[in-house]
């Protein structure tokens, strides 16, 4: 989980090293791959898409 987050998300919960798509955010959130402090930020970026 930590390695996934370090590779694919920045400190603001935005995707990096991957296309920023709804599917990418949804899967990461659904499979609990994003740590709690970044979940709200990542969900916010998802809503922006």
PDB file of N, CA and C in Angstrom:
ATOM      1  N   UNK A   1       0.831  -1.188   0.000  1.00  0.00           N
ATOM      2  CA  UNK A   1       0.000   0.000   0.000  1.00  0.00           C
ATOM      3  C   UNK A   1       0.874   1.250   0.000  1.00  0.00           C
ATOM      4  N   UNK A   2       1.891   1.275   0.837  1.00  0.00           N
ATOM      5  CA  UNK A   2       2.778   2.435   0.898  1.00  0.00           C
ATOM      6  C   UNK A   2       3.546   2.616  -0.404  1.00  0.00           C
ATOM      7  N   UNK A   3       4.017   1.517  -0.980  1.00  0.00           N
ATOM      8  CA  UNK A   3       4.758   1.593  -2.244  1.00  0.00           C
ATOM      9  C   UNK A   3       3.842   2.082  -3.363  1.00  0.00           C
ATOM     10  N   UNK A   4       2.605   1.602  -3.399  1.00  0.00           N
ATOM     11  CA  UNK A   4       1.640   2.038  -4.408  1.00  0.00           C
ATOM     12  C   UNK A   4       1.409   3.540  -4.293  1.00  0.00           C
ATOM     13  N   UNK A   5       1.155   4.003  -3.080  1.00  0.00           N
ATOM     14  CA  UNK A   5       0.895   5.419  -2.858  1.00  0.00           C
ATOM     15  C   UNK A   5       2.109   6.262  -3.220  1.00  0.00           C
ATOM     16  N   UNK A   6       3.285   5.834  -2.809  1.00  0.00           N
ATOM     17  CA  UNK A   6       4.502   6.596  -3.108  1.00  0.00           C
ATOM     18  C   UNK A   6       4.748   6.695  -4.610  1.00  0.00           C
ATOM     19  N   UNK A   7       4.411   5.650  -5.342  1.00  0.00           N
ATOM     20  CA  UNK A   7       4.657   5.645  -6.784  1.00  0.00           C
ATOM     21  C   UNK A   7       3.591   6.421  -7.557  1.00  0.00           C
ATOM     22  N   UNK A   8       2.333   6.302  -7.164  1.00  0.00           N
ATOM     23  CA  UNK A   8       1.240   6.834  -7.976  1.00  0.00           C
ATOM     24  C   UNK A   8       0.599   8.129  -7.480  1.00  0.00           C
ATOM     25  N   UNK A   9       0.849   8.540  -6.252  1.00  0.00           N
ATOM     26  CA  UNK A   9       0.191   9.734  -5.729  1.00  0.00           C
ATOM     27  C   UNK A   9       1.196  10.708  -5.146  1.00  0.00           C
ATOM     28  N   UNK A  10       0.906  12.015  -5.323  1.00  0.00           N
ATOM     29  CA  UNK A  10       1.760  13.018  -4.700  1.00  0.00           C
ATOM     30  C   UNK A  10       1.186  13.352  -3.318  1.00  0.00           C
ATOM     31  N   UNK A  11       1.809  14.282  -2.625  1.00  0.00           N
ATOM     32  CA  UNK A  11       1.398  14.616  -1.260  1.00  0.00           C
ATOM     33  C   UNK A  11       0.028  15.283  -1.205  1.00  0.00           C
ATOM     34  N   UNK A  12      -0.460  15.752  -2.356  1.00  0.00           N
ATOM     35  CA  UNK A  12      -1.766  16.402  -2.427  1.00  0.00           C
ATOM     36  C   UNK A  12      -2.871  15.429  -2.836  1.00  0.00           C
ATOM     37  N   UNK A  13      -2.541  14.146  -2.966  1.00  0.00           N
ATOM     38  CA  UNK A  13      -3.540  13.153  -3.340  1.00  0.00           C
ATOM     39  C   UNK A  13      -3.849  13.113  -4.822  1.00  0.00           C
ATOM     40  N   UNK A  14      -2.998  13.740  -5.624  1.00  0.00           N
ATOM     41  CA  UNK A  14      -3.198  13.756  -7.081  1.00  0.00           C
ATOM     42  C   UNK A  14      -2.360  12.655  -7.714  1.00  0.00           C
ATOM     43  N   UNK A  15      -2.940  12.009  -8.711  1.00  0.00           N
ATOM     44  CA  UNK A  15      -2.228  10.948  -9.423  1.00  0.00           C
ATOM     45  C   UNK A  15      -1.012  11.492 -10.157  1.00  0.00           C
ATOM     46  N   UNK A  16       0.045  10.720 -10.143  1.00  0.00           N
ATOM     47  CA  UNK A  16       1.225  11.005 -10.953  1.00  0.00           C
ATOM     48  C   UNK A  16       1.690   9.662 -11.511  1.00  0.00           C
ATOM     49  N   UNK A  17       2.487   9.671 -12.532  1.00  0.00           N
ATOM     50  CA  UNK A  17       2.985   8.439 -13.162  1.00  0.00           C
ATOM     51  C   UNK A  17       1.871   7.573 -13.741  1.00  0.00           C
ATOM     52  N   UNK A  18       0.698   8.149 -13.930  1.00  0.00           N
ATOM     53  CA  UNK A  18      -0.428   7.415 -14.523  1.00  0.00           C
ATOM     54  C   UNK A  18      -1.413   8.445 -15.059  1.00  0.00           C
ATOM     55  N   UNK A  19      -2.196   8.063 -16.059  1.00  0.00           N
ATOM     56  CA  UNK A  19      -3.218   8.995 -16.551  1.00  0.00           C
ATOM     57  C   UNK A  19      -4.211   9.331 -15.440  1.00  0.00           C
ATOM     58  N   UNK A  20      -4.565  10.595 -15.344  1.00  0.00           N
ATOM     59  CA  UNK A  20      -5.504  11.020 -14.313  1.00  0.00           C
ATOM     60  C   UNK A  20      -6.924  10.767 -14.822  1.00  0.00           C
ATOM     61  N   UNK A  21      -7.455   9.603 -14.475  1.00  0.00           N
ATOM     62  CA  UNK A  21      -8.788   9.214 -14.929  1.00  0.00           C
ATOM     63  C   UNK A  21      -9.681   8.899 -13.736  1.00  0.00           C
ATOM     64  N   UNK A  22     -10.986   8.939 -13.981  1.00  0.00           N
ATOM     65  CA  UNK A  22     -11.938   8.575 -12.934  1.00  0.00           C
ATOM     66  C   UNK A  22     -11.707   7.141 -12.483  1.00  0.00           C
ATOM     67  N   UNK A  23     -11.450   6.261 -13.432  1.00  0.00           N
ATOM     68  CA  UNK A  23     -11.241   4.848 -13.114  1.00  0.00           C
ATOM     69  C   UNK A  23     -10.046   4.660 -12.197  1.00  0.00           C
ATOM     70  N   UNK A  24      -8.962   5.355 -12.460  1.00  0.00           N
ATOM     71  CA  UNK A  24      -7.764   5.216 -11.625  1.00  0.00           C
ATOM     72  C   UNK A  24      -8.051   5.628 -10.185  1.00  0.00           C
ATOM     73  N   UNK A  25      -8.737   6.757 -10.014  1.00  0.00           N
ATOM     74  CA  UNK A  25      -9.079   7.198  -8.661  1.00  0.00           C
ATOM     75  C   UNK A  25     -10.064   6.235  -7.999  1.00  0.00           C
ATOM     76  N   UNK A  26     -11.094   5.831  -8.744  1.00  0.00           N
ATOM     77  CA  UNK A  26     -12.112   4.939  -8.173  1.00  0.00           C
ATOM     78  C   UNK A  26     -11.530   3.611  -7.710  1.00  0.00           C
ATOM     79  N   UNK A  27     -10.694   3.012  -8.537  1.00  0.00           N
ATOM     80  CA  UNK A  27     -10.106   1.721  -8.151  1.00  0.00           C
ATOM     81  C   UNK A  27      -9.204   1.862  -6.930  1.00  0.00           C
ATOM     82  N   UNK A  28      -8.397   2.907  -6.909  1.00  0.00           N
ATOM     83  CA  UNK A  28      -7.513   3.109  -5.759  1.00  0.00           C
ATOM     84  C   UNK A  28      -8.322   3.332  -4.483  1.00  0.00           C
ATOM     85  N   UNK A  29      -9.402   4.089  -4.579  1.00  0.00           N
ATOM     86  CA  UNK A  29     -10.253   4.324  -3.409  1.00  0.00           C
ATOM     87  C   UNK A  29     -11.025   3.060  -3.024  1.00  0.00           C
ATOM     88  N   UNK A  30     -11.587   2.374  -3.996  1.00  0.00           N
ATOM     89  CA  UNK A  30     -12.401   1.185  -3.723  1.00  0.00           C
ATOM     90  C   UNK A  30     -11.595   0.050  -3.104  1.00  0.00           C
ATOM     91  N   UNK A  31     -10.354  -0.105  -3.543  1.00  0.00           N
ATOM     92  CA  UNK A  31      -9.518  -1.186  -3.017  1.00  0.00           C
ATOM     93  C   UNK A  31      -8.663  -0.737  -1.831  1.00  0.00           C
ATOM     94  N   UNK A  32      -8.993   0.444  -1.296  1.00  0.00           N
ATOM     95  CA  UNK A  32      -8.334   0.964  -0.092  1.00  0.00           C
ATOM     96  C   UNK A  32      -6.815   1.036  -0.257  1.00  0.00           C
ATOM     97  N   UNK A  33      -6.374   1.512  -1.411  1.00  0.00           N
ATOM     98  CA  UNK A  33      -4.942   1.626  -1.686  1.00  0.00           C
ATOM     99  C   UNK A  33      -4.378   2.989  -1.305  1.00  0.00           C
ATOM    100  N   UNK A  34      -5.246   3.907  -0.947  1.00  0.00           N
ATOM    101  CA  UNK A  34      -4.824   5.257  -0.576  1.00  0.00           C
ATOM    102  C   UNK A  34      -4.959   5.393   0.936  1.00  0.00           C
ATOM    103  N   UNK A  35      -3.911   5.840   1.625  1.00  0.00           N
ATOM    104  CA  UNK A  35      -4.006   5.981   3.081  1.00  0.00           C
ATOM    105  C   UNK A  35      -5.034   7.049   3.477  1.00  0.00           C
ATOM    106  N   UNK A  36      -5.563   6.905   4.650  1.00  0.00           N
ATOM    107  CA  UNK A  36      -6.631   7.775   5.143  1.00  0.00           C
ATOM    108  C   UNK A  36      -6.340   9.273   4.982  1.00  0.00           C
ATOM    109  N   UNK A  37      -5.146   9.754   5.294  1.00  0.00           N
ATOM    110  CA  UNK A  37      -4.908  11.207   5.149  1.00  0.00           C
ATOM    111  C   UNK A  37      -5.066  11.726   3.714  1.00  0.00           C
ATOM    112  N   UNK A  38      -4.899  10.871   2.714  1.00  0.00           N
ATOM    113  CA  UNK A  38      -5.004  11.309   1.317  1.00  0.00           C
ATOM    114  C   UNK A  38      -6.345  10.977   0.669  1.00  0.00           C
ATOM    115  N   UNK A  39      -7.176  10.185   1.327  1.00  0.00           N
ATOM    116  CA  UNK A  39      -8.430   9.728   0.711  1.00  0.00           C
ATOM    117  C   UNK A  39      -9.351  10.891   0.343  1.00  0.00           C
ATOM    118  N   UNK A  40      -9.532  11.841   1.233  1.00  0.00           N
ATOM    119  CA  UNK A  40     -10.421  12.974   0.955  1.00  0.00           C
ATOM    120  C   UNK A  40      -9.873  13.824  -0.185  1.00  0.00           C
ATOM    121  N   UNK A  41      -8.565  14.020  -0.200  1.00  0.00           N
ATOM    122  CA  UNK A  41      -7.952  14.806  -1.277  1.00  0.00           C
ATOM    123  C   UNK A  41      -8.111  14.093  -2.618  1.00  0.00           C
ATOM    124  N   UNK A  42      -7.863  12.794  -2.643  1.00  0.00           N
ATOM    125  CA  UNK A  42      -8.007  12.023  -3.880  1.00  0.00           C
ATOM    126  C   UNK A  42      -9.465  12.035  -4.343  1.00  0.00           C
ATOM    127  N   UNK A  43     -10.391  11.913  -3.413  1.00  0.00           N
ATOM    128  CA  UNK A  43     -11.813  11.961  -3.765  1.00  0.00           C
ATOM    129  C   UNK A  43     -12.172  13.328  -4.341  1.00  0.00           C
ATOM    130  N   UNK A  44     -11.578  14.367  -3.812  1.00  0.00           N
ATOM    131  CA  UNK A  44     -11.806  15.709  -4.348  1.00  0.00           C
ATOM    132  C   UNK A  44     -11.320  15.842  -5.780  1.00  0.00           C
ATOM    133  N   UNK A  45     -10.161  15.256  -6.074  1.00  0.00           N
ATOM    134  CA  UNK A  45      -9.645  15.292  -7.444  1.00  0.00           C
ATOM    135  C   UNK A  45     -10.550  14.478  -8.373  1.00  0.00           C
ATOM    136  N   UNK A  46     -11.087  13.390  -7.857  1.00  0.00           N
ATOM    137  CA  UNK A  46     -12.023  12.580  -8.640  1.00  0.00           C
ATOM    138  C   UNK A  46     -13.253  13.409  -9.006  1.00  0.00           C
ATOM    139  N   UNK A  47     -13.783  14.143  -8.059  1.00  0.00           N
ATOM    140  CA  UNK A  47     -14.967  14.969  -8.301  1.00  0.00           C
ATOM    141  C   UNK A  47     -14.674  16.032  -9.363  1.00  0.00           C
ATOM    142  N   UNK A  48     -13.453  16.567  -9.362  1.00  0.00           N
ATOM    143  CA  UNK A  48     -13.075  17.583 -10.350  1.00  0.00           C
ATOM    144  C   UNK A  48     -13.103  17.032 -11.772  1.00  0.00           C
ATOM    145  N   UNK A  49     -12.839  15.721 -11.910  1.00  0.00           N
ATOM    146  CA  UNK A  49     -12.830  15.133 -13.243  1.00  0.00           C
ATOM    147  C   UNK A  49     -14.241  15.006 -13.743  1.00  0.00           C
TER     148      UNK A  49
END
